[in-house]
Amino acid sequence: QNARLALQAADRGYVMDSGTVTMEGDAKQMLDDPKVRAAYLGE
């Protein structure tokens, strides 16, 4: 999956862990979140 590309195209983003939604929110805000960037975008 390309999380960065998906979040750029989406209005909202969701993070799931073991079938449970652990984070959700505005896709742009998720792209700008340092924790999301480090954990899911490899930065």
PDB file of N, CA and C in Angstrom:
ATOM      1  N   GLN A   1       0.838  -1.182   0.000  1.00  0.00           N
ATOM      2  CA  GLN A   1       0.000   0.000   0.000  1.00  0.00           C
ATOM      3  C   GLN A   1       0.876   1.236   0.000  1.00  0.00           C
ATOM      4  N   ASN A   2       0.365   2.270  -0.612  1.00  0.00           N
ATOM      5  CA  ASN A   2       1.056   3.555  -0.603  1.00  0.00           C
ATOM      6  C   ASN A   2       0.225   4.511   0.252  1.00  0.00           C
ATOM      7  N   ALA A   3       0.531   4.548   1.541  1.00  0.00           N
ATOM      8  CA  ALA A   3      -0.255   5.352   2.480  1.00  0.00           C
ATOM      9  C   ALA A   3      -0.211   6.831   2.131  1.00  0.00           C
ATOM     10  N   ARG A   4       0.944   7.314   1.704  1.00  0.00           N
ATOM     11  CA  ARG A   4       1.071   8.738   1.365  1.00  0.00           C
ATOM     12  C   ARG A   4       0.134   9.086   0.199  1.00  0.00           C
ATOM     13  N   LEU A   5       0.160   8.286  -0.857  1.00  0.00           N
ATOM     14  CA  LEU A   5      -0.687   8.540  -2.020  1.00  0.00           C
ATOM     15  C   LEU A   5      -2.166   8.434  -1.648  1.00  0.00           C
ATOM     16  N   ALA A   6      -2.501   7.441  -0.846  1.00  0.00           N
ATOM     17  CA  ALA A   6      -3.891   7.267  -0.424  1.00  0.00           C
ATOM     18  C   ALA A   6      -4.375   8.463   0.385  1.00  0.00           C
ATOM     19  N   LEU A   7      -3.553   8.956   1.307  1.00  0.00           N
ATOM     20  CA  LEU A   7      -3.956  10.105   2.121  1.00  0.00           C
ATOM     21  C   LEU A   7      -4.039  11.381   1.290  1.00  0.00           C
ATOM     22  N   GLN A   8      -3.214  11.485   0.243  1.00  0.00           N
ATOM     23  CA  GLN A   8      -3.281  12.659  -0.628  1.00  0.00           C
ATOM     24  C   GLN A   8      -4.580  12.680  -1.426  1.00  0.00           C
ATOM     25  N   ALA A   9      -5.120  11.504  -1.737  1.00  0.00           N
ATOM     26  CA  ALA A   9      -6.341  11.409  -2.533  1.00  0.00           C
ATOM     27  C   ALA A   9      -7.607  11.411  -1.677  1.00  0.00           C
ATOM     28  N   ALA A  10      -7.452  11.157  -0.379  1.00  0.00           N
ATOM     29  CA  ALA A  10      -8.606  10.975   0.506  1.00  0.00           C
ATOM     30  C   ALA A  10      -8.964  12.245   1.270  1.00  0.00           C
ATOM     31  N   ASP A  11     -10.202  12.269   1.752  1.00  0.00           N
ATOM     32  CA  ASP A  11     -10.642  13.328   2.657  1.00  0.00           C
ATOM     33  C   ASP A  11     -10.365  12.946   4.109  1.00  0.00           C
ATOM     34  N   ARG A  12     -10.486  11.650   4.409  1.00  0.00           N
ATOM     35  CA  ARG A  12     -10.266  11.145   5.768  1.00  0.00           C
ATOM     36  C   ARG A  12      -9.328   9.958   5.712  1.00  0.00           C
ATOM     37  N   GLY A  13      -8.653   9.710   6.844  1.00  0.00           N
ATOM     38  CA  GLY A  13      -7.767   8.563   6.941  1.00  0.00           C
ATOM     39  C   GLY A  13      -8.080   7.762   8.190  1.00  0.00           C
ATOM     40  N   TYR A  14      -7.810   6.473   8.114  1.00  0.00           N
ATOM     41  CA  TYR A  14      -8.041   5.563   9.234  1.00  0.00           C
ATOM     42  C   TYR A  14      -6.824   4.667   9.387  1.00  0.00           C
ATOM     43  N   VAL A  15      -6.408   4.422  10.618  1.00  0.00           N
ATOM     44  CA  VAL A  15      -5.328   3.485  10.913  1.00  0.00           C
ATOM     45  C   VAL A  15      -5.944   2.346  11.708  1.00  0.00           C
ATOM     46  N   MET A  16      -5.700   1.119  11.236  1.00  0.00           N
ATOM     47  CA  MET A  16      -6.226  -0.054  11.934  1.00  0.00           C
ATOM     48  C   MET A  16      -5.075  -0.904  12.441  1.00  0.00           C
ATOM     49  N   ASP A  17      -5.272  -1.494  13.608  1.00  0.00           N
ATOM     50  CA  ASP A  17      -4.313  -2.421  14.189  1.00  0.00           C
ATOM     51  C   ASP A  17      -5.085  -3.620  14.702  1.00  0.00           C
ATOM     52  N   SER A  18      -4.817  -4.777  14.152  1.00  0.00           N
ATOM     53  CA  SER A  18      -5.501  -6.018  14.551  1.00  0.00           C
ATOM     54  C   SER A  18      -7.013  -5.882  14.463  1.00  0.00           C
ATOM     55  N   GLY A  19      -7.493  -5.224  13.412  1.00  0.00           N
ATOM     56  CA  GLY A  19      -8.924  -5.093  13.182  1.00  0.00           C
ATOM     57  C   GLY A  19      -9.611  -3.988  13.957  1.00  0.00           C
ATOM     58  N   THR A  20      -8.862  -3.204  14.704  1.00  0.00           N
ATOM     59  CA  THR A  20      -9.425  -2.114  15.492  1.00  0.00           C
ATOM     60  C   THR A  20      -8.914  -0.781  14.963  1.00  0.00           C
ATOM     61  N   VAL A  21      -9.824   0.171  14.776  1.00  0.00           N
ATOM     62  CA  VAL A  21      -9.421   1.508  14.347  1.00  0.00           C
ATOM     63  C   VAL A  21      -8.719   2.184  15.520  1.00  0.00           C
ATOM     64  N   THR A  22      -7.446   2.532  15.331  1.00  0.00           N
ATOM     65  CA  THR A  22      -6.666   3.145  16.400  1.00  0.00           C
ATOM     66  C   THR A  22      -6.487   4.643  16.198  1.00  0.00           C
ATOM     67  N   MET A  23      -6.755   5.109  14.978  1.00  0.00           N
ATOM     68  CA  MET A  23      -6.628   6.535  14.684  1.00  0.00           C
ATOM     69  C   MET A  23      -7.499   6.850  13.481  1.00  0.00           C
ATOM     70  N   GLU A  24      -8.142   7.994  13.512  1.00  0.00           N
ATOM     71  CA  GLU A  24      -8.909   8.453  12.362  1.00  0.00           C
ATOM     72  C   GLU A  24      -8.910   9.963  12.359  1.00  0.00           C
ATOM     73  N   GLY A  25      -9.046  10.525  11.177  1.00  0.00           N
ATOM     74  CA  GLY A  25      -9.087  11.972  11.111  1.00  0.00           C
ATOM     75  C   GLY A  25      -8.952  12.492   9.701  1.00  0.00           C
ATOM     76  N   ASP A  26      -8.848  13.792   9.603  1.00  0.00           N
ATOM     77  CA  ASP A  26      -8.670  14.479   8.340  1.00  0.00           C
ATOM     78  C   ASP A  26      -7.370  13.993   7.684  1.00  0.00           C
ATOM     79  N   ALA A  27      -7.434  13.610   6.420  1.00  0.00           N
ATOM     80  CA  ALA A  27      -6.264  13.053   5.743  1.00  0.00           C
ATOM     81  C   ALA A  27      -5.102  14.035   5.712  1.00  0.00           C
ATOM     82  N   LYS A  28      -5.364  15.298   5.457  1.00  0.00           N
ATOM     83  CA  LYS A  28      -4.303  16.309   5.414  1.00  0.00           C
ATOM     84  C   LYS A  28      -3.621  16.421   6.776  1.00  0.00           C
ATOM     85  N   GLN A  29      -4.412  16.433   7.846  1.00  0.00           N
ATOM     86  CA  GLN A  29      -3.838  16.512   9.188  1.00  0.00           C
ATOM     87  C   GLN A  29      -3.010  15.270   9.503  1.00  0.00           C
ATOM     88  N   MET A  30      -3.465  14.111   9.039  1.00  0.00           N
ATOM     89  CA  MET A  30      -2.704  12.890   9.276  1.00  0.00           C
ATOM     90  C   MET A  30      -1.368  12.938   8.538  1.00  0.00           C
ATOM     91  N   LEU A  31      -1.363  13.470   7.320  1.00  0.00           N
ATOM     92  CA  LEU A  31      -0.112  13.607   6.567  1.00  0.00           C
ATOM     93  C   LEU A  31       0.868  14.537   7.266  1.00  0.00           C
ATOM     94  N   ASP A  32       0.354  15.521   7.970  1.00  0.00           N
ATOM     95  CA  ASP A  32       1.194  16.506   8.648  1.00  0.00           C
ATOM     96  C   ASP A  32       1.589  16.095  10.070  1.00  0.00           C
ATOM     97  N   ASP A  33       0.991  15.026  10.592  1.00  0.00           N
ATOM     98  CA  ASP A  33       1.247  14.581  11.963  1.00  0.00           C
ATOM     99  C   ASP A  33       2.599  13.854  12.036  1.00  0.00           C
ATOM    100  N   PRO A  34       3.545  14.351  12.846  1.00  0.00           N
ATOM    101  CA  PRO A  34       4.869  13.719  12.935  1.00  0.00           C
ATOM    102  C   PRO A  34       4.816  12.252  13.369  1.00  0.00           C
ATOM    103  N   LYS A  35       3.880  11.902  14.241  1.00  0.00           N
ATOM    104  CA  LYS A  35       3.772  10.511  14.694  1.00  0.00           C
ATOM    105  C   LYS A  35       3.329   9.602  13.547  1.00  0.00           C
ATOM    106  N   VAL A  36       2.360  10.059  12.767  1.00  0.00           N
ATOM    107  CA  VAL A  36       1.889   9.282  11.616  1.00  0.00           C
ATOM    108  C   VAL A  36       3.010   9.158  10.592  1.00  0.00           C
ATOM    109  N   ARG A  37       3.703  10.254  10.342  1.00  0.00           N
ATOM    110  CA  ARG A  37       4.787  10.247   9.358  1.00  0.00           C
ATOM    111  C   ARG A  37       5.884   9.261   9.760  1.00  0.00           C
ATOM    112  N   ALA A  38       6.233   9.245  11.032  1.00  0.00           N
ATOM    113  CA  ALA A  38       7.293   8.348  11.503  1.00  0.00           C
ATOM    114  C   ALA A  38       6.851   6.886  11.478  1.00  0.00           C
ATOM    115  N   ALA A  39       5.638   6.620  11.925  1.00  0.00           N
ATOM    116  CA  ALA A  39       5.180   5.242  12.067  1.00  0.00           C
ATOM    117  C   ALA A  39       4.732   4.607  10.755  1.00  0.00           C
ATOM    118  N   TYR A  40       4.109   5.396   9.875  1.00  0.00           N
ATOM    119  CA  TYR A  40       3.468   4.802   8.702  1.00  0.00           C
ATOM    120  C   TYR A  40       4.019   5.274   7.369  1.00  0.00           C
ATOM    121  N   LEU A  41       4.785   6.353   7.369  1.00  0.00           N
ATOM    122  CA  LEU A  41       5.300   6.874   6.103  1.00  0.00           C
ATOM    123  C   LEU A  41       6.816   6.762   6.013  1.00  0.00           C
ATOM    124  N   GLY A  42       7.430   6.156   7.013  1.00  0.00           N
ATOM    125  CA  GLY A  42       8.860   5.904   6.979  1.00  0.00           C
ATOM    126  C   GLY A  42       9.734   7.142   7.083  1.00  0.00           C
ATOM    127  N   GLU A  43       9.252   8.148   7.762  1.00  0.00           N
ATOM    128  CA  GLU A  43      10.039   9.387   7.910  1.00  0.00           C
ATOM    129  C   GLU A  43      10.451   9.599   9.346  1.00  0.00           C
TER     130      GLU A  43
END
